[in-house]
Amino acid sequence: MSVEKALLNRKTVRAFKPDPVPKALIEELVEIANRAPSNGNLQPWRVIALSGESLEVLKTKAVQKLQQDGFEQPEYQVYVSPMPEPYRSHRFAVGEALYKTIGVAREDKAGRQAQFAKNAELFGAPLGLFFYIDRRLGPGQWMDLGMYIQSLMLLLEERGLSSCAQGYWSFLHETVTSVTEASTEWMLACGLAVGYEDKEAFINSLESSRQPLGEFFHLKE
């Protein structure tokens, strides 16, 4: 598969088959993705994978935390508030498209909450990857981490795996770290649900829109 095809095929999958991801395969892809660029070759990322019993422990803890106390205070600002345009409209549009795809009306708050709650189950994925960054570092290294994650997501696509990037876990970072046992000098950035797409799940038919070229690219000669 070409890089172009992997990029065009990649999408956010929100329903996975339970089939396990081979350990050797995920180790191979995580290592290949380590060739991603980083300023000064800092390589400021750490990746912790959870599957099997460990993943089930996280799911249980996440549900209990939400039921008892609600979300935790994230360690970084996930979204600015208020969200300026055109970004607010972009976010609103994809949310509306998602719920329309699964037939959940705007006024159906229970239905929307039920769908959102599936984040805590990693949408049924058998593998969760959790990305950490050294908390002593700054915005430049967050860009490095993003390039690593994108590289890994394209490699997953090439090998027939699907994924769902989840900033959601930044709101449960203490719960996640109680399972991953990451050192306190590392900050949780996000999670990534990984597995094989359930192609029969209608929610996976959603393809989010993209802004036209002229809105974000300008060539001056």
N, C-alpha and C. Protein backbone atom coordinates (compact mmCIF):
# COMPACT_ATOMS: atom_id res chain seq x y z
N MET A 1 0.85 -1.19 0.00
CA MET A 1 0.00 0.00 0.00
C MET A 1 0.88 1.25 0.00
N SER A 2 0.58 2.20 -0.87
CA SER A 2 1.34 3.44 -0.92
C SER A 2 0.99 4.33 0.27
N VAL A 3 1.87 5.29 0.54
CA VAL A 3 1.59 6.25 1.61
C VAL A 3 0.31 7.01 1.29
N GLU A 4 0.15 7.37 0.02
CA GLU A 4 -1.06 8.10 -0.39
C GLU A 4 -2.32 7.30 -0.09
N LYS A 5 -2.30 6.03 -0.45
CA LYS A 5 -3.49 5.20 -0.23
C LYS A 5 -3.77 5.02 1.26
N ALA A 6 -2.70 4.84 2.04
CA ALA A 6 -2.88 4.68 3.49
C ALA A 6 -3.50 5.94 4.09
N LEU A 7 -3.04 7.10 3.62
CA LEU A 7 -3.55 8.36 4.14
C LEU A 7 -5.01 8.58 3.74
N LEU A 8 -5.34 8.25 2.50
CA LEU A 8 -6.71 8.43 2.03
C LEU A 8 -7.67 7.41 2.64
N ASN A 9 -7.17 6.22 2.94
CA ASN A 9 -8.03 5.17 3.51
C ASN A 9 -8.24 5.33 5.02
N ARG A 10 -7.27 5.94 5.70
CA ARG A 10 -7.36 6.05 7.16
C ARG A 10 -8.58 6.85 7.57
N LYS A 11 -9.25 6.37 8.57
CA LYS A 11 -10.41 7.08 9.13
C LYS A 11 -10.52 6.71 10.59
N THR A 12 -11.33 7.45 11.30
CA THR A 12 -11.59 7.14 12.70
C THR A 12 -12.61 6.01 12.79
N VAL A 13 -12.20 4.90 13.35
CA VAL A 13 -13.08 3.73 13.48
C VAL A 13 -13.63 3.70 14.90
N ARG A 14 -14.94 3.56 15.01
CA ARG A 14 -15.60 3.58 16.31
C ARG A 14 -16.35 2.29 16.61
N ALA A 15 -15.96 1.22 15.94
CA ALA A 15 -16.51 -0.11 16.24
C ALA A 15 -15.49 -1.12 15.72
N PHE A 16 -14.97 -1.95 16.63
CA PHE A 16 -13.92 -2.91 16.28
C PHE A 16 -14.39 -4.34 16.50
N LYS A 17 -13.75 -5.25 15.79
CA LYS A 17 -13.93 -6.67 16.06
C LYS A 17 -13.11 -7.03 17.30
N PRO A 18 -13.46 -8.09 18.00
CA PRO A 18 -12.71 -8.47 19.20
C PRO A 18 -11.40 -9.19 18.91
N ASP A 19 -11.14 -9.52 17.65
CA ASP A 19 -9.93 -10.27 17.28
C ASP A 19 -8.68 -9.60 17.83
N PRO A 20 -7.83 -10.34 18.52
CA PRO A 20 -6.63 -9.75 19.11
C PRO A 20 -5.61 -9.32 18.05
N VAL A 21 -4.83 -8.32 18.39
CA VAL A 21 -3.74 -7.85 17.53
C VAL A 21 -2.47 -8.57 17.98
N PRO A 22 -1.80 -9.28 17.07
CA PRO A 22 -0.59 -10.02 17.46
C PRO A 22 0.46 -9.11 18.10
N LYS A 23 1.03 -9.57 19.20
CA LYS A 23 2.03 -8.79 19.92
C LYS A 23 3.21 -8.45 19.02
N ALA A 24 3.68 -9.42 18.25
CA ALA A 24 4.84 -9.19 17.39
C ALA A 24 4.55 -8.11 16.36
N LEU A 25 3.32 -8.06 15.86
CA LEU A 25 2.95 -7.07 14.85
C LEU A 25 2.96 -5.67 15.44
N ILE A 26 2.34 -5.48 16.59
CA ILE A 26 2.29 -4.13 17.15
C ILE A 26 3.68 -3.67 17.57
N GLU A 27 4.51 -4.59 18.07
CA GLU A 27 5.88 -4.22 18.43
C GLU A 27 6.65 -3.79 17.20
N GLU A 28 6.45 -4.49 16.09
CA GLU A 28 7.13 -4.14 14.84
C GLU A 28 6.74 -2.74 14.37
N LEU A 29 5.44 -2.45 14.39
CA LEU A 29 4.97 -1.17 13.87
C LEU A 29 5.35 -0.01 14.78
N VAL A 30 5.29 -0.22 16.08
CA VAL A 30 5.70 0.82 17.02
C VAL A 30 7.17 1.16 16.82
N GLU A 31 7.97 0.14 16.54
CA GLU A 31 9.40 0.37 16.32
C GLU A 31 9.66 1.06 15.00
N ILE A 32 8.97 0.67 13.94
CA ILE A 32 9.15 1.33 12.64
C ILE A 32 8.75 2.80 12.74
N ALA A 33 7.65 3.08 13.43
CA ALA A 33 7.18 4.46 13.58
C ALA A 33 8.21 5.33 14.30
N ASN A 34 9.13 4.70 15.02
CA ASN A 34 10.17 5.43 15.73
C ASN A 34 11.11 6.16 14.78
N ARG A 35 10.99 5.89 13.47
CA ARG A 35 11.74 6.62 12.46
C ARG A 35 11.09 7.97 12.15
N ALA A 36 9.99 8.28 12.81
CA ALA A 36 9.33 9.58 12.62
C ALA A 36 10.31 10.70 12.98
N PRO A 37 10.18 11.85 12.32
CA PRO A 37 11.10 12.96 12.62
C PRO A 37 10.80 13.61 13.96
N SER A 38 11.84 14.19 14.54
CA SER A 38 11.67 15.01 15.75
C SER A 38 12.79 16.04 15.76
N ASN A 39 12.45 17.25 16.17
CA ASN A 39 13.44 18.33 16.22
C ASN A 39 14.60 17.94 17.12
N GLY A 40 15.82 18.04 16.57
CA GLY A 40 17.00 17.68 17.34
C GLY A 40 17.09 16.20 17.65
N ASN A 41 16.28 15.39 16.96
CA ASN A 41 16.23 13.95 17.19
C ASN A 41 15.96 13.62 18.67
N LEU A 42 15.11 14.44 19.29
CA LEU A 42 14.82 14.25 20.72
C LEU A 42 14.02 12.98 21.01
N GLN A 43 13.15 12.60 20.06
CA GLN A 43 12.31 11.40 20.25
C GLN A 43 11.61 11.45 21.61
N PRO A 44 10.76 12.45 21.84
CA PRO A 44 10.24 12.71 23.19
C PRO A 44 9.00 11.91 23.56
N TRP A 45 8.86 10.72 23.03
CA TRP A 45 7.64 9.95 23.26
C TRP A 45 7.90 8.67 24.04
N ARG A 46 6.87 8.22 24.70
CA ARG A 46 6.84 6.90 25.31
C ARG A 46 5.48 6.30 24.97
N VAL A 47 5.46 5.02 24.66
CA VAL A 47 4.22 4.34 24.28
C VAL A 47 4.02 3.14 25.20
N ILE A 48 2.86 3.05 25.80
CA ILE A 48 2.52 1.91 26.65
C ILE A 48 1.26 1.27 26.09
N ALA A 49 1.34 -0.03 25.82
CA ALA A 49 0.22 -0.77 25.24
C ALA A 49 -0.49 -1.58 26.32
N LEU A 50 -1.81 -1.56 26.25
CA LEU A 50 -2.63 -2.37 27.15
C LEU A 50 -3.52 -3.29 26.33
N SER A 51 -3.55 -4.55 26.73
CA SER A 51 -4.45 -5.51 26.09
C SER A 51 -4.85 -6.54 27.14
N GLY A 52 -5.74 -7.43 26.77
CA GLY A 52 -6.13 -8.50 27.68
C GLY A 52 -6.61 -8.00 29.03
N GLU A 53 -6.10 -8.62 30.09
CA GLU A 53 -6.54 -8.29 31.45
C GLU A 53 -6.26 -6.84 31.83
N SER A 54 -5.09 -6.33 31.41
CA SER A 54 -4.73 -4.95 31.74
C SER A 54 -5.72 -3.96 31.15
N LEU A 55 -6.14 -4.22 29.92
CA LEU A 55 -7.10 -3.33 29.28
C LEU A 55 -8.46 -3.41 29.96
N GLU A 56 -8.84 -4.61 30.37
CA GLU A 56 -10.12 -4.76 31.07
C GLU A 56 -10.09 -4.02 32.42
N VAL A 57 -8.94 -4.04 33.09
CA VAL A 57 -8.80 -3.31 34.35
C VAL A 57 -9.01 -1.82 34.11
N LEU A 58 -8.41 -1.30 33.03
CA LEU A 58 -8.58 0.12 32.72
C LEU A 58 -10.04 0.46 32.45
N LYS A 59 -10.70 -0.36 31.65
CA LYS A 59 -12.11 -0.10 31.33
C LYS A 59 -12.95 -0.05 32.60
N THR A 60 -12.72 -1.01 33.49
CA THR A 60 -13.49 -1.06 34.74
C THR A 60 -13.22 0.17 35.59
N LYS A 61 -11.95 0.54 35.72
CA LYS A 61 -11.60 1.71 36.51
C LYS A 61 -12.18 2.99 35.92
N ALA A 62 -12.16 3.08 34.59
CA ALA A 62 -12.68 4.28 33.93
C ALA A 62 -14.17 4.45 34.20
N VAL A 63 -14.91 3.37 34.06
CA VAL A 63 -16.36 3.43 34.30
C VAL A 63 -16.64 3.79 35.76
N GLN A 64 -15.91 3.18 36.68
CA GLN A 64 -16.10 3.47 38.11
C GLN A 64 -15.79 4.93 38.42
N LYS A 65 -14.71 5.44 37.85
CA LYS A 65 -14.32 6.83 38.08
C LYS A 65 -15.40 7.78 37.58
N LEU A 66 -15.91 7.52 36.39
CA LEU A 66 -16.93 8.39 35.82
C LEU A 66 -18.22 8.35 36.62
N GLN A 67 -18.57 7.18 37.11
CA GLN A 67 -19.80 7.04 37.89
C GLN A 67 -19.69 7.70 39.26
N GLN A 68 -18.50 7.64 39.85
CA GLN A 68 -18.33 8.15 41.22
C GLN A 68 -17.95 9.63 41.26
N ASP A 69 -17.02 10.03 40.41
CA ASP A 69 -16.46 11.39 40.50
C ASP A 69 -16.54 12.20 39.22
N GLY A 70 -16.74 11.55 38.09
CA GLY A 70 -16.69 12.27 36.83
C GLY A 70 -15.28 12.37 36.30
N PHE A 71 -15.10 13.20 35.29
CA PHE A 71 -13.79 13.34 34.65
C PHE A 71 -12.77 14.00 35.56
N GLU A 72 -11.50 13.71 35.29
CA GLU A 72 -10.40 14.36 36.00
C GLU A 72 -10.02 15.63 35.25
N GLN A 73 -9.32 16.51 35.93
CA GLN A 73 -8.85 17.75 35.29
C GLN A 73 -7.66 17.42 34.39
N PRO A 74 -7.78 17.66 33.07
CA PRO A 74 -6.66 17.33 32.18
C PRO A 74 -5.43 18.18 32.49
N GLU A 75 -4.28 17.67 32.14
CA GLU A 75 -3.03 18.36 32.44
C GLU A 75 -2.63 19.36 31.36
N TYR A 76 -3.38 19.40 30.30
CA TYR A 76 -3.15 20.40 29.26
C TYR A 76 -4.51 20.79 28.68
N GLN A 77 -4.56 21.93 28.02
CA GLN A 77 -5.82 22.42 27.47
C GLN A 77 -6.11 21.70 26.16
N VAL A 78 -7.09 20.82 26.19
CA VAL A 78 -7.44 20.03 25.01
C VAL A 78 -8.09 20.90 23.95
N TYR A 79 -9.03 21.74 24.36
CA TYR A 79 -9.68 22.70 23.46
C TYR A 79 -9.67 24.07 24.12
N VAL A 80 -9.42 25.12 23.33
CA VAL A 80 -9.55 26.47 23.86
C VAL A 80 -11.03 26.78 24.02
N SER A 81 -11.34 27.66 24.95
CA SER A 81 -12.73 28.04 25.19
C SER A 81 -12.82 29.55 25.40
N PRO A 82 -13.65 30.24 24.59
CA PRO A 82 -14.51 29.67 23.54
C PRO A 82 -13.71 29.29 22.30
N MET A 83 -14.20 28.31 21.57
CA MET A 83 -13.55 27.87 20.35
C MET A 83 -13.85 28.87 19.23
N PRO A 84 -12.81 29.45 18.60
CA PRO A 84 -13.05 30.43 17.53
C PRO A 84 -13.45 29.75 16.22
N GLU A 85 -13.99 30.56 15.33
CA GLU A 85 -14.28 30.07 13.99
C GLU A 85 -13.01 30.11 13.15
N PRO A 86 -12.89 29.23 12.14
CA PRO A 86 -13.89 28.26 11.66
C PRO A 86 -13.86 26.93 12.40
N TYR A 87 -13.03 26.83 13.43
CA TYR A 87 -12.80 25.54 14.10
C TYR A 87 -14.05 25.05 14.84
N ARG A 88 -14.79 26.00 15.41
CA ARG A 88 -16.02 25.62 16.09
C ARG A 88 -16.97 24.95 15.11
N SER A 89 -17.10 25.52 13.92
CA SER A 89 -18.00 24.95 12.91
C SER A 89 -17.52 23.59 12.43
N HIS A 90 -16.20 23.43 12.29
CA HIS A 90 -15.65 22.13 11.88
C HIS A 90 -16.02 21.06 12.91
N ARG A 91 -15.83 21.40 14.17
CA ARG A 91 -16.11 20.44 15.24
C ARG A 91 -17.60 20.11 15.32
N PHE A 92 -18.42 21.15 15.20
CA PHE A 92 -19.87 20.95 15.25
C PHE A 92 -20.33 20.06 14.10
N ALA A 93 -19.79 20.31 12.90
CA ALA A 93 -20.22 19.57 11.71
C ALA A 93 -19.92 18.08 11.83
N VAL A 94 -18.74 17.73 12.32
CA VAL A 94 -18.40 16.31 12.41
C VAL A 94 -19.22 15.63 13.51
N GLY A 95 -19.53 16.36 14.57
CA GLY A 95 -20.38 15.79 15.61
C GLY A 95 -21.78 15.51 15.10
N GLU A 96 -22.34 16.46 14.36
CA GLU A 96 -23.67 16.27 13.80
C GLU A 96 -23.69 15.12 12.80
N ALA A 97 -22.63 15.04 11.98
CA ALA A 97 -22.55 13.96 10.99
C ALA A 97 -22.48 12.59 11.66
N LEU A 98 -21.74 12.53 12.77
CA LEU A 98 -21.61 11.27 13.51
C LEU A 98 -22.96 10.79 14.01
N TYR A 99 -23.68 11.65 14.69
CA TYR A 99 -24.95 11.23 15.27
C TYR A 99 -26.02 10.99 14.21
N LYS A 100 -25.93 11.71 13.10
CA LYS A 100 -26.86 11.46 12.00
C LYS A 100 -26.61 10.08 11.41
N THR A 101 -25.34 9.70 11.32
CA THR A 101 -24.98 8.39 10.76
C THR A 101 -25.59 7.25 11.56
N ILE A 102 -25.64 7.39 12.87
CA ILE A 102 -26.18 6.31 13.71
C ILE A 102 -27.63 6.55 14.13
N GLY A 103 -28.23 7.58 13.55
CA GLY A 103 -29.65 7.81 13.78
C GLY A 103 -30.01 8.33 15.15
N VAL A 104 -29.11 9.11 15.75
CA VAL A 104 -29.38 9.70 17.06
C VAL A 104 -29.73 11.17 16.86
N ALA A 105 -30.93 11.54 17.24
CA ALA A 105 -31.40 12.91 17.04
C ALA A 105 -30.68 13.89 17.97
N ARG A 106 -30.66 15.15 17.57
CA ARG A 106 -29.98 16.17 18.36
C ARG A 106 -30.54 16.27 19.78
N GLU A 107 -31.86 16.10 19.90
CA GLU A 107 -32.50 16.23 21.22
C GLU A 107 -32.39 14.96 22.06
N ASP A 108 -31.84 13.89 21.48
CA ASP A 108 -31.70 12.62 22.20
C ASP A 108 -30.41 12.63 23.02
N LYS A 109 -30.45 13.28 24.16
CA LYS A 109 -29.25 13.42 24.98
C LYS A 109 -28.76 12.07 25.50
N ALA A 110 -29.69 11.20 25.85
CA ALA A 110 -29.31 9.88 26.37
C ALA A 110 -28.58 9.08 25.29
N GLY A 111 -29.07 9.16 24.07
CA GLY A 111 -28.44 8.45 22.97
C GLY A 111 -27.05 8.97 22.68
N ARG A 112 -26.88 10.28 22.75
CA ARG A 112 -25.57 10.87 22.51
C ARG A 112 -24.59 10.52 23.64
N GLN A 113 -25.08 10.53 24.85
CA GLN A 113 -24.23 10.16 25.99
C GLN A 113 -23.81 8.70 25.92
N ALA A 114 -24.73 7.85 25.46
CA ALA A 114 -24.42 6.42 25.35
C ALA A 114 -23.32 6.19 24.32
N GLN A 115 -23.38 6.92 23.21
CA GLN A 115 -22.35 6.79 22.19
C GLN A 115 -21.02 7.31 22.71
N PHE A 116 -21.05 8.47 23.38
CA PHE A 116 -19.83 9.06 23.91
C PHE A 116 -19.18 8.14 24.94
N ALA A 117 -20.01 7.44 25.72
CA ALA A 117 -19.50 6.55 26.77
C ALA A 117 -18.70 5.39 26.21
N LYS A 118 -18.89 5.09 24.93
CA LYS A 118 -18.16 3.99 24.31
C LYS A 118 -16.67 4.28 24.21
N ASN A 119 -16.29 5.55 24.39
CA ASN A 119 -14.87 5.88 24.45
C ASN A 119 -14.17 5.08 25.54
N ALA A 120 -14.84 4.93 26.68
CA ALA A 120 -14.24 4.22 27.82
C ALA A 120 -14.03 2.74 27.53
N GLU A 121 -14.71 2.23 26.51
CA GLU A 121 -14.56 0.84 26.09
C GLU A 121 -13.61 0.72 24.90
N LEU A 122 -13.01 1.85 24.52
CA LEU A 122 -12.17 1.92 23.32
C LEU A 122 -12.92 1.39 22.10
N PHE A 123 -14.23 1.57 22.12
CA PHE A 123 -15.10 1.16 21.01
C PHE A 123 -14.95 -0.32 20.67
N GLY A 124 -14.61 -1.12 21.69
CA GLY A 124 -14.48 -2.55 21.49
C GLY A 124 -13.13 -3.00 20.98
N ALA A 125 -12.18 -2.09 20.85
CA ALA A 125 -10.84 -2.46 20.36
C ALA A 125 -10.13 -3.36 21.36
N PRO A 126 -9.36 -4.34 20.89
CA PRO A 126 -8.66 -5.25 21.79
C PRO A 126 -7.32 -4.72 22.29
N LEU A 127 -6.92 -3.55 21.77
CA LEU A 127 -5.61 -3.00 22.12
C LEU A 127 -5.72 -1.49 22.29
N GLY A 128 -5.13 -0.99 23.35
CA GLY A 128 -5.07 0.45 23.57
C GLY A 128 -3.62 0.89 23.69
N LEU A 129 -3.25 1.90 22.93
CA LEU A 129 -1.91 2.48 23.03
C LEU A 129 -2.03 3.83 23.71
N PHE A 130 -1.14 4.10 24.64
CA PHE A 130 -1.20 5.35 25.38
C PHE A 130 0.13 6.08 25.22
N PHE A 131 0.04 7.32 24.76
CA PHE A 131 1.21 8.09 24.39
C PHE A 131 1.53 9.13 25.46
N TYR A 132 2.75 9.09 25.91
CA TYR A 132 3.22 10.00 26.95
C TYR A 132 4.33 10.89 26.39
N ILE A 133 4.44 12.08 26.97
CA ILE A 133 5.51 13.00 26.61
C ILE A 133 6.17 13.51 27.89
N ASP A 134 7.46 13.71 27.83
CA ASP A 134 8.19 14.23 28.99
C ASP A 134 7.62 15.60 29.35
N ARG A 135 7.10 15.75 30.55
CA ARG A 135 6.40 16.97 30.92
C ARG A 135 7.33 18.18 31.03
N ARG A 136 8.65 17.96 30.99
CA ARG A 136 9.59 19.09 31.04
C ARG A 136 9.73 19.78 29.70
N LEU A 137 9.19 19.17 28.64
CA LEU A 137 9.37 19.69 27.29
C LEU A 137 8.23 20.62 26.90
N GLY A 138 8.35 21.20 25.69
CA GLY A 138 7.41 22.25 25.28
C GLY A 138 6.67 21.97 23.99
N PRO A 139 6.03 23.00 23.40
CA PRO A 139 5.18 22.84 22.21
C PRO A 139 5.88 22.17 21.03
N GLY A 140 7.17 22.46 20.84
CA GLY A 140 7.88 21.84 19.72
C GLY A 140 7.90 20.33 19.82
N GLN A 141 8.01 19.82 21.03
CA GLN A 141 8.05 18.37 21.21
C GLN A 141 6.66 17.73 21.09
N TRP A 142 5.62 18.52 21.35
CA TRP A 142 4.26 18.02 21.10
C TRP A 142 4.06 17.80 19.60
N MET A 143 4.66 18.68 18.79
CA MET A 143 4.59 18.47 17.34
C MET A 143 5.31 17.17 16.96
N ASP A 144 6.44 16.92 17.60
CA ASP A 144 7.18 15.68 17.35
C ASP A 144 6.31 14.46 17.68
N LEU A 145 5.64 14.51 18.82
CA LEU A 145 4.78 13.40 19.22
C LEU A 145 3.67 13.19 18.20
N GLY A 146 3.10 14.28 17.71
CA GLY A 146 2.05 14.17 16.70
C GLY A 146 2.54 13.48 15.44
N MET A 147 3.78 13.79 15.04
CA MET A 147 4.33 13.14 13.84
C MET A 147 4.55 11.65 14.08
N TYR A 148 4.93 11.31 15.30
CA TYR A 148 5.10 9.89 15.62
C TYR A 148 3.75 9.16 15.54
N ILE A 149 2.73 9.73 16.16
CA ILE A 149 1.42 9.08 16.18
C ILE A 149 0.86 8.93 14.77
N GLN A 150 0.99 9.98 13.95
CA GLN A 150 0.51 9.89 12.57
C GLN A 150 1.26 8.80 11.81
N SER A 151 2.56 8.72 12.00
CA SER A 151 3.35 7.68 11.32
C SER A 151 2.84 6.30 11.70
N LEU A 152 2.57 6.11 12.98
CA LEU A 152 2.09 4.81 13.46
C LEU A 152 0.71 4.50 12.90
N MET A 153 -0.16 5.48 12.84
CA MET A 153 -1.52 5.26 12.33
C MET A 153 -1.50 4.84 10.86
N LEU A 154 -0.59 5.41 10.09
CA LEU A 154 -0.48 5.04 8.68
C LEU A 154 0.09 3.63 8.53
N LEU A 155 1.02 3.27 9.39
CA LEU A 155 1.56 1.90 9.37
C LEU A 155 0.48 0.89 9.73
N LEU A 156 -0.36 1.23 10.70
CA LEU A 156 -1.47 0.35 11.07
C LEU A 156 -2.39 0.15 9.88
N GLU A 157 -2.69 1.22 9.19
CA GLU A 157 -3.57 1.15 8.01
C GLU A 157 -2.97 0.24 6.95
N GLU A 158 -1.67 0.37 6.73
CA GLU A 158 -0.98 -0.44 5.72
C GLU A 158 -1.10 -1.93 6.04
N ARG A 159 -1.10 -2.28 7.32
CA ARG A 159 -1.15 -3.69 7.74
C ARG A 159 -2.56 -4.19 7.99
N GLY A 160 -3.56 -3.43 7.59
CA GLY A 160 -4.93 -3.90 7.72
C GLY A 160 -5.58 -3.64 9.06
N LEU A 161 -4.94 -2.83 9.89
CA LEU A 161 -5.49 -2.47 11.19
C LEU A 161 -6.11 -1.09 11.14
N SER A 162 -7.04 -0.84 12.03
CA SER A 162 -7.69 0.46 12.11
C SER A 162 -7.44 1.08 13.48
N SER A 163 -7.77 2.36 13.60
CA SER A 163 -7.48 3.04 14.86
C SER A 163 -8.47 4.17 15.11
N CYS A 164 -8.47 4.62 16.35
CA CYS A 164 -9.26 5.79 16.75
C CYS A 164 -8.44 6.56 17.77
N ALA A 165 -7.96 7.74 17.38
CA ALA A 165 -7.21 8.59 18.31
C ALA A 165 -8.18 9.15 19.35
N GLN A 166 -7.79 9.08 20.62
CA GLN A 166 -8.69 9.46 21.71
C GLN A 166 -8.06 10.47 22.66
N GLY A 167 -8.33 11.74 22.41
CA GLY A 167 -7.96 12.76 23.38
C GLY A 167 -8.75 12.59 24.67
N TYR A 168 -9.82 11.83 24.57
CA TYR A 168 -10.71 11.51 25.70
C TYR A 168 -9.94 11.10 26.95
N TRP A 169 -8.88 10.33 26.76
CA TRP A 169 -8.16 9.78 27.92
C TRP A 169 -7.38 10.83 28.69
N SER A 170 -7.18 12.02 28.10
CA SER A 170 -6.51 13.08 28.86
C SER A 170 -7.39 13.54 30.02
N PHE A 171 -8.70 13.27 29.94
CA PHE A 171 -9.62 13.60 31.02
C PHE A 171 -9.71 12.49 32.06
N LEU A 172 -8.94 11.43 31.84
CA LEU A 172 -8.85 10.33 32.80
C LEU A 172 -7.39 9.90 32.96
N HIS A 173 -6.50 10.89 32.90
CA HIS A 173 -5.06 10.58 32.87
C HIS A 173 -4.59 9.87 34.13
N GLU A 174 -5.13 10.23 35.29
CA GLU A 174 -4.72 9.56 36.52
C GLU A 174 -5.17 8.10 36.53
N THR A 175 -6.37 7.87 36.03
CA THR A 175 -6.89 6.51 35.96
C THR A 175 -6.04 5.66 35.02
N VAL A 176 -5.71 6.23 33.86
CA VAL A 176 -4.88 5.50 32.89
C VAL A 176 -3.52 5.18 33.50
N THR A 177 -2.90 6.17 34.11
CA THR A 177 -1.55 5.98 34.63
C THR A 177 -1.52 5.03 35.82
N SER A 178 -2.65 4.88 36.51
CA SER A 178 -2.71 3.89 37.60
C SER A 178 -2.59 2.47 37.05
N VAL A 179 -2.88 2.31 35.76
CA VAL A 179 -2.77 1.00 35.12
C VAL A 179 -1.46 0.88 34.35
N THR A 180 -1.09 1.92 33.60
CA THR A 180 0.14 1.86 32.81
C THR A 180 1.38 1.94 33.69
N GLU A 181 1.23 2.56 34.86
CA GLU A 181 2.34 2.75 35.82
C GLU A 181 3.48 3.55 35.21
N ALA A 182 3.13 4.52 34.36
CA ALA A 182 4.14 5.40 33.78
C ALA A 182 4.75 6.28 34.86
N SER A 183 6.01 6.64 34.69
CA SER A 183 6.70 7.50 35.64
C SER A 183 6.02 8.86 35.71
N THR A 184 6.11 9.51 36.86
CA THR A 184 5.46 10.81 37.05
C THR A 184 6.06 11.90 36.17
N GLU A 185 7.25 11.69 35.63
CA GLU A 185 7.83 12.72 34.76
C GLU A 185 7.25 12.68 33.35
N TRP A 186 6.38 11.71 33.11
CA TRP A 186 5.74 11.59 31.80
C TRP A 186 4.27 11.96 31.89
N MET A 187 3.82 12.81 30.96
CA MET A 187 2.44 13.27 30.91
C MET A 187 1.68 12.53 29.81
N LEU A 188 0.48 12.06 30.14
CA LEU A 188 -0.34 11.38 29.14
C LEU A 188 -0.87 12.40 28.13
N ALA A 189 -0.62 12.15 26.86
CA ALA A 189 -1.12 13.03 25.80
C ALA A 189 -2.46 12.55 25.27
N CYS A 190 -2.53 11.27 24.92
CA CYS A 190 -3.77 10.72 24.36
C CYS A 190 -3.67 9.20 24.30
N GLY A 191 -4.76 8.60 23.90
CA GLY A 191 -4.79 7.16 23.68
C GLY A 191 -5.10 6.87 22.22
N LEU A 192 -4.91 5.63 21.83
CA LEU A 192 -5.22 5.20 20.47
C LEU A 192 -5.81 3.80 20.54
N ALA A 193 -7.09 3.69 20.20
CA ALA A 193 -7.73 2.37 20.12
C ALA A 193 -7.28 1.71 18.83
N VAL A 194 -6.87 0.45 18.91
CA VAL A 194 -6.31 -0.26 17.75
C VAL A 194 -6.94 -1.63 17.61
N GLY A 195 -7.29 -1.98 16.40
CA GLY A 195 -7.86 -3.31 16.15
C GLY A 195 -8.32 -3.43 14.72
N TYR A 196 -9.15 -4.42 14.48
CA TYR A 196 -9.68 -4.67 13.14
C TYR A 196 -11.09 -4.09 13.05
N GLU A 197 -11.32 -3.32 12.02
CA GLU A 197 -12.60 -2.64 11.85
C GLU A 197 -13.76 -3.62 11.71
N ASP A 198 -14.84 -3.32 12.40
CA ASP A 198 -16.10 -4.04 12.20
C ASP A 198 -16.80 -3.37 11.03
N LYS A 199 -16.63 -3.94 9.86
CA LYS A 199 -17.15 -3.32 8.64
C LYS A 199 -18.67 -3.37 8.55
N GLU A 200 -19.30 -4.16 9.42
CA GLU A 200 -20.76 -4.21 9.42
C GLU A 200 -21.38 -3.14 10.31
N ALA A 201 -20.56 -2.47 11.10
CA ALA A 201 -21.06 -1.41 11.98
C ALA A 201 -21.26 -0.14 11.17
N PHE A 202 -22.49 0.34 11.14
CA PHE A 202 -22.82 1.46 10.27
C PHE A 202 -22.06 2.72 10.65
N ILE A 203 -21.71 2.85 11.92
CA ILE A 203 -21.00 4.05 12.35
C ILE A 203 -19.68 4.24 11.62
N ASN A 204 -19.10 3.13 11.17
CA ASN A 204 -17.82 3.20 10.48
C ASN A 204 -17.94 3.67 9.04
N SER A 205 -19.16 3.92 8.59
CA SER A 205 -19.35 4.45 7.23
C SER A 205 -19.12 5.96 7.20
N LEU A 206 -19.02 6.57 8.37
CA LEU A 206 -18.82 8.02 8.44
C LEU A 206 -17.44 8.40 7.90
N GLU A 207 -17.42 9.36 7.00
CA GLU A 207 -16.17 9.92 6.50
C GLU A 207 -16.23 11.42 6.72
N SER A 208 -15.41 11.93 7.60
CA SER A 208 -15.45 13.35 7.93
C SER A 208 -14.99 14.20 6.75
N SER A 209 -15.54 15.39 6.65
CA SER A 209 -15.22 16.28 5.53
C SER A 209 -13.87 16.95 5.74
N ARG A 210 -13.33 17.52 4.68
CA ARG A 210 -12.09 18.27 4.74
C ARG A 210 -12.27 19.62 4.05
N GLN A 211 -11.59 20.63 4.55
CA GLN A 211 -11.68 21.95 3.95
C GLN A 211 -11.00 21.94 2.59
N PRO A 212 -11.48 22.75 1.64
CA PRO A 212 -10.88 22.80 0.31
C PRO A 212 -9.46 23.37 0.35
N LEU A 213 -8.68 23.00 -0.64
CA LEU A 213 -7.26 23.38 -0.70
C LEU A 213 -7.05 24.88 -0.53
N GLY A 214 -7.89 25.67 -1.19
CA GLY A 214 -7.71 27.11 -1.16
C GLY A 214 -7.87 27.75 0.20
N GLU A 215 -8.46 27.03 1.15
CA GLU A 215 -8.67 27.59 2.49
C GLU A 215 -7.45 27.44 3.40
N PHE A 216 -6.53 26.54 3.03
CA PHE A 216 -5.38 26.36 3.93
C PHE A 216 -4.03 26.35 3.22
N PHE A 217 -4.02 26.47 1.87
CA PHE A 217 -2.75 26.43 1.14
C PHE A 217 -2.64 27.62 0.20
N HIS A 218 -1.49 28.27 0.23
CA HIS A 218 -1.23 29.39 -0.68
C HIS A 218 0.20 29.26 -1.19
N LEU A 219 0.37 29.38 -2.48
CA LEU A 219 1.68 29.29 -3.11
C LEU A 219 2.05 30.66 -3.68
N LYS A 220 3.16 31.20 -3.22
CA LYS A 220 3.64 32.49 -3.72
C LYS A 220 4.93 32.26 -4.51
N GLU A 221 4.96 32.78 -5.72
CA GLU A 221 6.14 32.60 -6.59
C GLU A 221 6.76 33.94 -6.93
